[in-house]
Amino acid sequence: MANVTLLDPTSQSDADEKFLAPRLDTFDGKVMGLLDITKNGSDIFLDRVEELMRERFDIAEVVRVKKPTFARPAPTELLNDLADQTDFVIEGLAD
């Protein structure tokens, strides 16, 4: 009888504890960030999100940025710059 080795494909690293950002009282007068992850259709999705948010709230400004590739996390500098320029961010996923 042959020996069989079973491998666990799940990650064994401990997950860092995450916290939710404080919620805004309103979107009126706020700068909205839109992060396009560069998947197919995310630009269309974010166009519609922007349209709906502007219809419902007095959005002061919209800052749109794009990840270099959807295959990797957004560069820290890009995320920090976006956070510095905006009051809140919506990340667009699509396919």
PDB file of N, CA and C in Angstrom:
ATOM      1  N   MET A   1       0.845  -1.176   0.000  1.00  0.00           N
ATOM      2  CA  MET A   1       0.000   0.000   0.000  1.00  0.00           C
ATOM      3  C   MET A   1       0.893   1.243   0.000  1.00  0.00           C
ATOM      4  N   ALA A   2       0.619   2.169  -0.901  1.00  0.00           N
ATOM      5  CA  ALA A   2       1.427   3.389  -1.041  1.00  0.00           C
ATOM      6  C   ALA A   2       1.036   4.408   0.018  1.00  0.00           C
ATOM      7  N   ASN A   3       2.023   5.184   0.447  1.00  0.00           N
ATOM      8  CA  ASN A   3       1.753   6.287   1.374  1.00  0.00           C
ATOM      9  C   ASN A   3       1.184   7.464   0.599  1.00  0.00           C
ATOM     10  N   VAL A   4       0.215   8.140   1.189  1.00  0.00           N
ATOM     11  CA  VAL A   4      -0.404   9.306   0.577  1.00  0.00           C
ATOM     12  C   VAL A   4      -0.220  10.482   1.522  1.00  0.00           C
ATOM     13  N   THR A   5       0.266  11.592   0.980  1.00  0.00           N
ATOM     14  CA  THR A   5       0.414  12.814   1.767  1.00  0.00           C
ATOM     15  C   THR A   5      -0.687  13.780   1.360  1.00  0.00           C
ATOM     16  N   LEU A   6      -1.462  14.231   2.318  1.00  0.00           N
ATOM     17  CA  LEU A   6      -2.513  15.208   2.063  1.00  0.00           C
ATOM     18  C   LEU A   6      -1.997  16.586   2.446  1.00  0.00           C
ATOM     19  N   LEU A   7      -2.219  17.552   1.572  1.00  0.00           N
ATOM     20  CA  LEU A   7      -1.784  18.922   1.820  1.00  0.00           C
ATOM     21  C   LEU A   7      -2.997  19.822   1.986  1.00  0.00           C
ATOM     22  N   ASP A   8      -2.906  20.753   2.909  1.00  0.00           N
ATOM     23  CA  ASP A   8      -3.964  21.734   3.135  1.00  0.00           C
ATOM     24  C   ASP A   8      -3.655  22.966   2.284  1.00  0.00           C
ATOM     25  N   PRO A   9      -4.489  23.287   1.284  1.00  0.00           N
ATOM     26  CA  PRO A   9      -4.190  24.407   0.384  1.00  0.00           C
ATOM     27  C   PRO A   9      -4.536  25.779   0.958  1.00  0.00           C
ATOM     28  N   THR A  10      -5.100  25.819   2.145  1.00  0.00           N
ATOM     29  CA  THR A  10      -5.487  27.108   2.717  1.00  0.00           C
ATOM     30  C   THR A  10      -4.303  27.774   3.389  1.00  0.00           C
ATOM     31  N   SER A  11      -4.401  29.072   3.500  1.00  0.00           N
ATOM     32  CA  SER A  11      -3.333  29.862   4.115  1.00  0.00           C
ATOM     33  C   SER A  11      -3.213  29.531   5.596  1.00  0.00           C
ATOM     34  N   GLN A  12      -2.006  29.471   6.065  1.00  0.00           N
ATOM     35  CA  GLN A  12      -1.760  29.174   7.475  1.00  0.00           C
ATOM     36  C   GLN A  12      -1.372  30.417   8.270  1.00  0.00           C
ATOM     37  N   SER A  13      -1.276  31.562   7.609  1.00  0.00           N
ATOM     38  CA  SER A  13      -0.858  32.768   8.322  1.00  0.00           C
ATOM     39  C   SER A  13      -2.011  33.313   9.159  1.00  0.00           C
ATOM     40  N   ASP A  14      -1.658  33.942  10.255  1.00  0.00           N
ATOM     41  CA  ASP A  14      -2.660  34.564  11.110  1.00  0.00           C
ATOM     42  C   ASP A  14      -3.141  35.853  10.458  1.00  0.00           C
ATOM     43  N   ALA A  15      -4.432  36.047  10.433  1.00  0.00           N
ATOM     44  CA  ALA A  15      -4.998  37.260   9.855  1.00  0.00           C
ATOM     45  C   ALA A  15      -4.883  38.401  10.858  1.00  0.00           C
ATOM     46  N   ASP A  16      -4.466  39.563  10.361  1.00  0.00           N
ATOM     47  CA  ASP A  16      -4.430  40.743  11.213  1.00  0.00           C
ATOM     48  C   ASP A  16      -5.856  41.172  11.521  1.00  0.00           C
ATOM     49  N   GLU A  17      -6.051  41.712  12.709  1.00  0.00           N
ATOM     50  CA  GLU A  17      -7.368  42.206  13.079  1.00  0.00           C
ATOM     51  C   GLU A  17      -7.667  43.455  12.261  1.00  0.00           C
ATOM     52  N   LYS A  18      -8.862  43.543  11.710  1.00  0.00           N
ATOM     53  CA  LYS A  18      -9.271  44.675  10.877  1.00  0.00           C
ATOM     54  C   LYS A  18     -10.373  45.447  11.588  1.00  0.00           C
ATOM     55  N   PHE A  19     -10.415  46.733  11.335  1.00  0.00           N
ATOM     56  CA  PHE A  19     -11.431  47.595  11.914  1.00  0.00           C
ATOM     57  C   PHE A  19     -12.104  48.379  10.798  1.00  0.00           C
ATOM     58  N   LEU A  20     -13.390  48.628  10.959  1.00  0.00           N
ATOM     59  CA  LEU A  20     -14.116  49.453  10.008  1.00  0.00           C
ATOM     60  C   LEU A  20     -13.759  50.914  10.229  1.00  0.00           C
ATOM     61  N   ALA A  21     -13.699  51.666   9.138  1.00  0.00           N
ATOM     62  CA  ALA A  21     -13.476  53.106   9.241  1.00  0.00           C
ATOM     63  C   ALA A  21     -14.719  53.750   9.850  1.00  0.00           C
ATOM     64  N   PRO A  22     -14.548  54.862  10.556  1.00  0.00           N
ATOM     65  CA  PRO A  22     -15.723  55.565  11.091  1.00  0.00           C
ATOM     66  C   PRO A  22     -16.658  55.962   9.946  1.00  0.00           C
ATOM     67  N   ARG A  23     -17.947  55.846  10.176  1.00  0.00           N
ATOM     68  CA  ARG A  23     -18.938  56.167   9.151  1.00  0.00           C
ATOM     69  C   ARG A  23     -19.203  57.669   9.118  1.00  0.00           C
ATOM     70  N   LEU A  24     -19.426  58.195   7.908  1.00  0.00           N
ATOM     71  CA  LEU A  24     -19.761  59.605   7.739  1.00  0.00           C
ATOM     72  C   LEU A  24     -21.230  59.820   8.074  1.00  0.00           C
ATOM     73  N   ASP A  25     -21.541  60.996   8.590  1.00  0.00           N
ATOM     74  CA  ASP A  25     -22.940  61.347   8.855  1.00  0.00           C
ATOM     75  C   ASP A  25     -23.690  61.623   7.561  1.00  0.00           C
ATOM     76  N   THR A  26     -22.971  62.153   6.574  1.00  0.00           N
ATOM     77  CA  THR A  26     -23.572  62.505   5.291  1.00  0.00           C
ATOM     78  C   THR A  26     -22.504  62.450   4.206  1.00  0.00           C
ATOM     79  N   PHE A  27     -22.952  62.316   2.972  1.00  0.00           N
ATOM     80  CA  PHE A  27     -22.044  62.420   1.827  1.00  0.00           C
ATOM     81  C   PHE A  27     -22.065  63.833   1.244  1.00  0.00           C
ATOM     82  N   ASP A  28     -23.037  64.656   1.672  1.00  0.00           N
ATOM     83  CA  ASP A  28     -23.144  66.022   1.166  1.00  0.00           C
ATOM     84  C   ASP A  28     -21.885  66.813   1.500  1.00  0.00           C
ATOM     85  N   GLY A  29     -21.356  67.507   0.489  1.00  0.00           N
ATOM     86  CA  GLY A  29     -20.176  68.337   0.677  1.00  0.00           C
ATOM     87  C   GLY A  29     -18.874  67.560   0.783  1.00  0.00           C
ATOM     88  N   LYS A  30     -18.915  66.268   0.561  1.00  0.00           N
ATOM     89  CA  LYS A  30     -17.726  65.421   0.711  1.00  0.00           C
ATOM     90  C   LYS A  30     -17.052  65.160  -0.641  1.00  0.00           C
ATOM     91  N   VAL A  31     -15.763  64.862  -0.567  1.00  0.00           N
ATOM     92  CA  VAL A  31     -14.995  64.474  -1.749  1.00  0.00           C
ATOM     93  C   VAL A  31     -15.011  62.950  -1.826  1.00  0.00           C
ATOM     94  N   MET A  32     -15.518  62.445  -2.947  1.00  0.00           N
ATOM     95  CA  MET A  32     -15.656  61.006  -3.142  1.00  0.00           C
ATOM     96  C   MET A  32     -14.492  60.486  -3.973  1.00  0.00           C
ATOM     97  N   GLY A  33     -13.876  59.413  -3.521  1.00  0.00           N
ATOM     98  CA  GLY A  33     -12.843  58.741  -4.293  1.00  0.00           C
ATOM     99  C   GLY A  33     -13.415  57.504  -4.951  1.00  0.00           C
ATOM    100  N   LEU A  34     -13.061  57.293  -6.209  1.00  0.00           N
ATOM    101  CA  LEU A  34     -13.475  56.095  -6.931  1.00  0.00           C
ATOM    102  C   LEU A  34     -12.218  55.363  -7.375  1.00  0.00           C
ATOM    103  N   LEU A  35     -12.064  54.138  -6.903  1.00  0.00           N
ATOM    104  CA  LEU A  35     -10.890  53.326  -7.210  1.00  0.00           C
ATOM    105  C   LEU A  35     -11.268  52.247  -8.214  1.00  0.00           C
ATOM    106  N   ASP A  36     -10.746  52.379  -9.421  1.00  0.00           N
ATOM    107  CA  ASP A  36     -10.984  51.420 -10.503  1.00  0.00           C
ATOM    108  C   ASP A  36      -9.905  50.346 -10.416  1.00  0.00           C
ATOM    109  N   ILE A  37     -10.318  49.091 -10.234  1.00  0.00           N
ATOM    110  CA  ILE A  37      -9.325  48.024 -10.090  1.00  0.00           C
ATOM    111  C   ILE A  37      -8.873  47.464 -11.438  1.00  0.00           C
ATOM    112  N   THR A  38      -9.333  48.044 -12.519  1.00  0.00           N
ATOM    113  CA  THR A  38      -8.962  47.717 -13.911  1.00  0.00           C
ATOM    114  C   THR A  38      -9.517  46.391 -14.420  1.00  0.00           C
ATOM    115  N   LYS A  39     -10.522  45.833 -13.760  1.00  0.00           N
ATOM    116  CA  LYS A  39     -11.201  44.654 -14.312  1.00  0.00           C
ATOM    117  C   LYS A  39     -12.188  45.142 -15.371  1.00  0.00           C
ATOM    118  N   ASN A  40     -12.521  44.250 -16.300  1.00  0.00           N
ATOM    119  CA  ASN A  40     -13.465  44.606 -17.355  1.00  0.00           C
ATOM    120  C   ASN A  40     -14.775  45.105 -16.761  1.00  0.00           C
ATOM    121  N   GLY A  41     -15.203  46.268 -17.217  1.00  0.00           N
ATOM    122  CA  GLY A  41     -16.481  46.813 -16.786  1.00  0.00           C
ATOM    123  C   GLY A  41     -16.430  47.664 -15.542  1.00  0.00           C
ATOM    124  N   SER A  42     -15.309  47.705 -14.835  1.00  0.00           N
ATOM    125  CA  SER A  42     -15.298  48.495 -13.596  1.00  0.00           C
ATOM    126  C   SER A  42     -15.436  49.982 -13.882  1.00  0.00           C
ATOM    127  N   ASP A  43     -14.941  50.454 -15.028  1.00  0.00           N
ATOM    128  CA  ASP A  43     -15.119  51.864 -15.367  1.00  0.00           C
ATOM    129  C   ASP A  43     -16.592  52.183 -15.603  1.00  0.00           C
ATOM    130  N   ILE A  44     -17.315  51.276 -16.244  1.00  0.00           N
ATOM    131  CA  ILE A  44     -18.752  51.464 -16.486  1.00  0.00           C
ATOM    132  C   ILE A  44     -19.505  51.462 -15.158  1.00  0.00           C
ATOM    133  N   PHE A  45     -19.161  50.519 -14.286  1.00  0.00           N
ATOM    134  CA  PHE A  45     -19.778  50.449 -12.965  1.00  0.00           C
ATOM    135  C   PHE A  45     -19.543  51.749 -12.198  1.00  0.00           C
ATOM    136  N   LEU A  46     -18.305  52.236 -12.186  1.00  0.00           N
ATOM    137  CA  LEU A  46     -17.993  53.450 -11.430  1.00  0.00           C
ATOM    138  C   LEU A  46     -18.622  54.688 -12.053  1.00  0.00           C
ATOM    139  N   ASP A  47     -18.781  54.724 -13.379  1.00  0.00           N
ATOM    140  CA  ASP A  47     -19.512  55.826 -14.018  1.00  0.00           C
ATOM    141  C   ASP A  47     -20.924  55.902 -13.458  1.00  0.00           C
ATOM    142  N   ARG A  48     -21.566  54.754 -13.338  1.00  0.00           N
ATOM    143  CA  ARG A  48     -22.946  54.705 -12.828  1.00  0.00           C
ATOM    144  C   ARG A  48     -22.996  55.052 -11.346  1.00  0.00           C
ATOM    145  N   VAL A  49     -22.037  54.559 -10.572  1.00  0.00           N
ATOM    146  CA  VAL A  49     -21.971  54.908  -9.144  1.00  0.00           C
ATOM    147  C   VAL A  49     -21.839  56.418  -8.995  1.00  0.00           C
ATOM    148  N   GLU A  50     -20.941  57.024  -9.774  1.00  0.00           N
ATOM    149  CA  GLU A  50     -20.765  58.481  -9.696  1.00  0.00           C
ATOM    150  C   GLU A  50     -22.061  59.203 -10.047  1.00  0.00           C
ATOM    151  N   GLU A  51     -22.705  58.771 -11.113  1.00  0.00           N
ATOM    152  CA  GLU A  51     -23.966  59.387 -11.535  1.00  0.00           C
ATOM    153  C   GLU A  51     -25.018  59.313 -10.422  1.00  0.00           C
ATOM    154  N   LEU A  52     -25.193  58.140  -9.835  1.00  0.00           N
ATOM    155  CA  LEU A  52     -26.193  57.962  -8.777  1.00  0.00           C
ATOM    156  C   LEU A  52     -25.844  58.759  -7.520  1.00  0.00           C
ATOM    157  N   MET A  53     -24.579  58.770  -7.145  1.00  0.00           N
ATOM    158  CA  MET A  53     -24.169  59.523  -5.951  1.00  0.00           C
ATOM    159  C   MET A  53     -24.380  61.017  -6.153  1.00  0.00           C
ATOM    160  N   ARG A  54     -24.087  61.525  -7.351  1.00  0.00           N
ATOM    161  CA  ARG A  54     -24.297  62.957  -7.623  1.00  0.00           C
ATOM    162  C   ARG A  54     -25.787  63.305  -7.639  1.00  0.00           C
ATOM    163  N   GLU A  55     -26.635  62.367  -8.087  1.00  0.00           N
ATOM    164  CA  GLU A  55     -28.085  62.599  -8.069  1.00  0.00           C
ATOM    165  C   GLU A  55     -28.616  62.678  -6.644  1.00  0.00           C
ATOM    166  N   ARG A  56     -28.088  61.854  -5.759  1.00  0.00           N
ATOM    167  CA  ARG A  56     -28.632  61.726  -4.407  1.00  0.00           C
ATOM    168  C   ARG A  56     -27.969  62.630  -3.375  1.00  0.00           C
ATOM    169  N   PHE A  57     -26.744  63.060  -3.645  1.00  0.00           N
ATOM    170  CA  PHE A  57     -25.995  63.839  -2.661  1.00  0.00           C
ATOM    171  C   PHE A  57     -25.294  65.011  -3.339  1.00  0.00           C
ATOM    172  N   ASP A  58     -24.960  66.007  -2.532  1.00  0.00           N
ATOM    173  CA  ASP A  58     -24.219  67.174  -3.011  1.00  0.00           C
ATOM    174  C   ASP A  58     -22.723  66.870  -2.888  1.00  0.00           C
ATOM    175  N   ILE A  59     -22.231  66.016  -3.787  1.00  0.00           N
ATOM    176  CA  ILE A  59     -20.826  65.616  -3.772  1.00  0.00           C
ATOM    177  C   ILE A  59     -19.982  66.815  -4.207  1.00  0.00           C
ATOM    178  N   ALA A  60     -18.997  67.192  -3.383  1.00  0.00           N
ATOM    179  CA  ALA A  60     -18.169  68.362  -3.671  1.00  0.00           C
ATOM    180  C   ALA A  60     -17.234  68.118  -4.850  1.00  0.00           C
ATOM    181  N   GLU A  61     -16.656  66.931  -4.901  1.00  0.00           N
ATOM    182  CA  GLU A  61     -15.667  66.615  -5.934  1.00  0.00           C
ATOM    183  C   GLU A  61     -15.524  65.102  -6.020  1.00  0.00           C
ATOM    184  N   VAL A  62     -15.086  64.631  -7.186  1.00  0.00           N
ATOM    185  CA  VAL A  62     -14.815  63.206  -7.371  1.00  0.00           C
ATOM    186  C   VAL A  62     -13.366  63.046  -7.829  1.00  0.00           C
ATOM    187  N   VAL A  63     -12.641  62.186  -7.143  1.00  0.00           N
ATOM    188  CA  VAL A  63     -11.261  61.854  -7.508  1.00  0.00           C
ATOM    189  C   VAL A  63     -11.260  60.397  -7.962  1.00  0.00           C
ATOM    190  N   ARG A  64     -10.871  60.179  -9.226  1.00  0.00           N
ATOM    191  CA  ARG A  64     -10.844  58.814  -9.770  1.00  0.00           C
ATOM    192  C   ARG A  64      -9.404  58.388 -10.002  1.00  0.00           C
ATOM    193  N   VAL A  65      -9.095  57.184  -9.538  1.00  0.00           N
ATOM    194  CA  VAL A  65      -7.771  56.605  -9.779  1.00  0.00           C
ATOM    195  C   VAL A  65      -7.945  55.162 -10.234  1.00  0.00           C
ATOM    196  N   LYS A  66      -6.895  54.661 -10.889  1.00  0.00           N
ATOM    197  CA  LYS A  66      -6.915  53.303 -11.433  1.00  0.00           C
ATOM    198  C   LYS A  66      -5.710  52.537 -10.918  1.00  0.00           C
ATOM    199  N   LYS A  67      -5.950  51.306 -10.486  1.00  0.00           N
ATOM    200  CA  LYS A  67      -4.835  50.428 -10.127  1.00  0.00           C
ATOM    201  C   LYS A  67      -4.060  50.083 -11.396  1.00  0.00           C
ATOM    202  N   PRO A  68      -2.747  49.866 -11.275  1.00  0.00           N
ATOM    203  CA  PRO A  68      -1.976  49.469 -12.452  1.00  0.00           C
ATOM    204  C   PRO A  68      -2.433  48.124 -13.030  1.00  0.00           C
ATOM    205  N   THR A  69      -2.863  47.201 -12.168  1.00  0.00           N
ATOM    206  CA  THR A  69      -3.328  45.883 -12.610  1.00  0.00           C
ATOM    207  C   THR A  69      -4.252  45.300 -11.548  1.00  0.00           C
ATOM    208  N   PHE A  70      -5.257  44.548 -11.986  1.00  0.00           N
ATOM    209  CA  PHE A  70      -6.158  43.924 -11.007  1.00  0.00           C
ATOM    210  C   PHE A  70      -5.511  42.722 -10.336  1.00  0.00           C
ATOM    211  N   ALA A  71      -4.405  42.240 -10.896  1.00  0.00           N
ATOM    212  CA  ALA A  71      -3.782  41.016 -10.393  1.00  0.00           C
ATOM    213  C   ALA A  71      -2.992  41.216  -9.098  1.00  0.00           C
ATOM    214  N   ARG A  72      -2.759  42.463  -8.735  1.00  0.00           N
ATOM    215  CA  ARG A  72      -1.979  42.748  -7.523  1.00  0.00           C
ATOM    216  C   ARG A  72      -2.693  43.812  -6.699  1.00  0.00           C
ATOM    217  N   PRO A  73      -2.416  43.865  -5.408  1.00  0.00           N
ATOM    218  CA  PRO A  73      -2.997  44.928  -4.583  1.00  0.00           C
ATOM    219  C   PRO A  73      -2.566  46.306  -5.091  1.00  0.00           C
ATOM    220  N   ALA A  74      -3.397  47.287  -4.826  1.00  0.00           N
ATOM    221  CA  ALA A  74      -3.054  48.658  -5.204  1.00  0.00           C
ATOM    222  C   ALA A  74      -1.800  49.092  -4.455  1.00  0.00           C
ATOM    223  N   PRO A  75      -0.908  49.824  -5.121  1.00  0.00           N
ATOM    224  CA  PRO A  75       0.292  50.312  -4.440  1.00  0.00           C
ATOM    225  C   PRO A  75      -0.075  51.181  -3.233  1.00  0.00           C
ATOM    226  N   THR A  76       0.677  51.037  -2.175  1.00  0.00           N
ATOM    227  CA  THR A  76       0.415  51.781  -0.940  1.00  0.00           C
ATOM    228  C   THR A  76       0.393  53.279  -1.196  1.00  0.00           C
ATOM    229  N   GLU A  77       1.310  53.774  -2.016  1.00  0.00           N
ATOM    230  CA  GLU A  77       1.362  55.213  -2.305  1.00  0.00           C
ATOM    231  C   GLU A  77       0.073  55.688  -2.966  1.00  0.00           C
ATOM    232  N   LEU A  78      -0.462  54.905  -3.901  1.00  0.00           N
ATOM    233  CA  LEU A  78      -1.716  55.252  -4.564  1.00  0.00           C
ATOM    234  C   LEU A  78      -2.848  55.325  -3.544  1.00  0.00           C
ATOM    235  N   LEU A  79      -2.918  54.348  -2.652  1.00  0.00           N
ATOM    236  CA  LEU A  79      -3.976  54.332  -1.632  1.00  0.00           C
ATOM    237  C   LEU A  79      -3.824  55.488  -0.655  1.00  0.00           C
ATOM    238  N   ASN A  80      -2.595  55.780  -0.243  1.00  0.00           N
ATOM    239  CA  ASN A  80      -2.364  56.900   0.678  1.00  0.00           C
ATOM    240  C   ASN A  80      -2.732  58.228   0.034  1.00  0.00           C
ATOM    241  N   ASP A  81      -2.343  58.426  -1.236  1.00  0.00           N
ATOM    242  CA  ASP A  81      -2.698  59.656  -1.948  1.00  0.00           C
ATOM    243  C   ASP A  81      -4.212  59.799  -2.057  1.00  0.00           C
ATOM    244  N   LEU A  82      -4.891  58.713  -2.384  1.00  0.00           N
ATOM    245  CA  LEU A  82      -6.349  58.747  -2.502  1.00  0.00           C
ATOM    246  C   LEU A  82      -6.987  59.072  -1.158  1.00  0.00           C
ATOM    247  N   ALA A  83      -6.501  58.467  -0.098  1.00  0.00           N
ATOM    248  CA  ALA A  83      -7.034  58.731   1.244  1.00  0.00           C
ATOM    249  C   ALA A  83      -6.809  60.182   1.652  1.00  0.00           C
ATOM    250  N   ASP A  84      -5.661  60.748   1.283  1.00  0.00           N
ATOM    251  CA  ASP A  84      -5.357  62.142   1.629  1.00  0.00           C
ATOM    252  C   ASP A  84      -6.256  63.128   0.894  1.00  0.00           C
ATOM    253  N   GLN A  85      -6.722  62.762  -0.298  1.00  0.00           N
ATOM    254  CA  GLN A  85      -7.503  63.672  -1.141  1.00  0.00           C
ATOM    255  C   GLN A  85      -9.011  63.550  -0.962  1.00  0.00           C
ATOM    256  N   THR A  86      -9.475  62.503  -0.290  1.00  0.00           N
ATOM    257  CA  THR A  86     -10.911  62.222  -0.267  1.00  0.00           C
ATOM    258  C   THR A  86     -11.439  62.020   1.148  1.00  0.00           C
ATOM    259  N   ASP A  87     -12.768  62.102   1.247  1.00  0.00           N
ATOM    260  CA  ASP A  87     -13.439  61.819   2.518  1.00  0.00           C
ATOM    261  C   ASP A  87     -13.884  60.362   2.609  1.00  0.00           C
ATOM    262  N   PHE A  88     -14.143  59.746   1.454  1.00  0.00           N
ATOM    263  CA  PHE A  88     -14.528  58.334   1.413  1.00  0.00           C
ATOM    264  C   PHE A  88     -14.202  57.780   0.032  1.00  0.00           C
ATOM    265  N   VAL A  89     -14.090  56.453  -0.056  1.00  0.00           N
ATOM    266  CA  VAL A  89     -13.708  55.801  -1.313  1.00  0.00           C
ATOM    267  C   VAL A  89     -14.652  54.639  -1.592  1.00  0.00           C
ATOM    268  N   ILE A  90     -15.021  54.509  -2.855  1.00  0.00           N
ATOM    269  CA  ILE A  90     -15.766  53.352  -3.342  1.00  0.00           C
ATOM    270  C   ILE A  90     -14.859  52.640  -4.336  1.00  0.00           C
ATOM    271  N   GLU A  91     -14.673  51.348  -4.122  1.00  0.00           N
ATOM    272  CA  GLU A  91     -13.829  50.550  -5.009  1.00  0.00           C
ATOM    273  C   GLU A  91     -14.728  49.800  -5.977  1.00  0.00           C
ATOM    274  N   GLY A  92     -14.421  49.899  -7.264  1.00  0.00           N
ATOM    275  CA  GLY A  92     -15.266  49.291  -8.283  1.00  0.00           C
ATOM    276  C   GLY A  92     -14.782  47.935  -8.723  1.00  0.00           C
ATOM    277  N   LEU A  93     -15.621  46.934  -8.546  1.00  0.00           N
ATOM    278  CA  LEU A  93     -15.345  45.582  -9.017  1.00  0.00           C
ATOM    279  C   LEU A  93     -16.314  45.269 -10.148  1.00  0.00           C
ATOM    280  N   ALA A  94     -15.852  44.543 -11.135  1.00  0.00           N
ATOM    281  CA  ALA A  94     -16.743  44.151 -12.232  1.00  0.00           C
ATOM    282  C   ALA A  94     -16.110  43.013 -13.009  1.00  0.00           C
ATOM    283  N   ASP A  95     -16.829  42.497 -13.939  1.00  0.00           N
ATOM    284  CA  ASP A  95     -16.360  41.492 -14.888  1.00  0.00           C
ATOM    285  C   ASP A  95     -17.464  41.154 -15.845  1.00  0.00           C
TER     286      ASP A  95
END
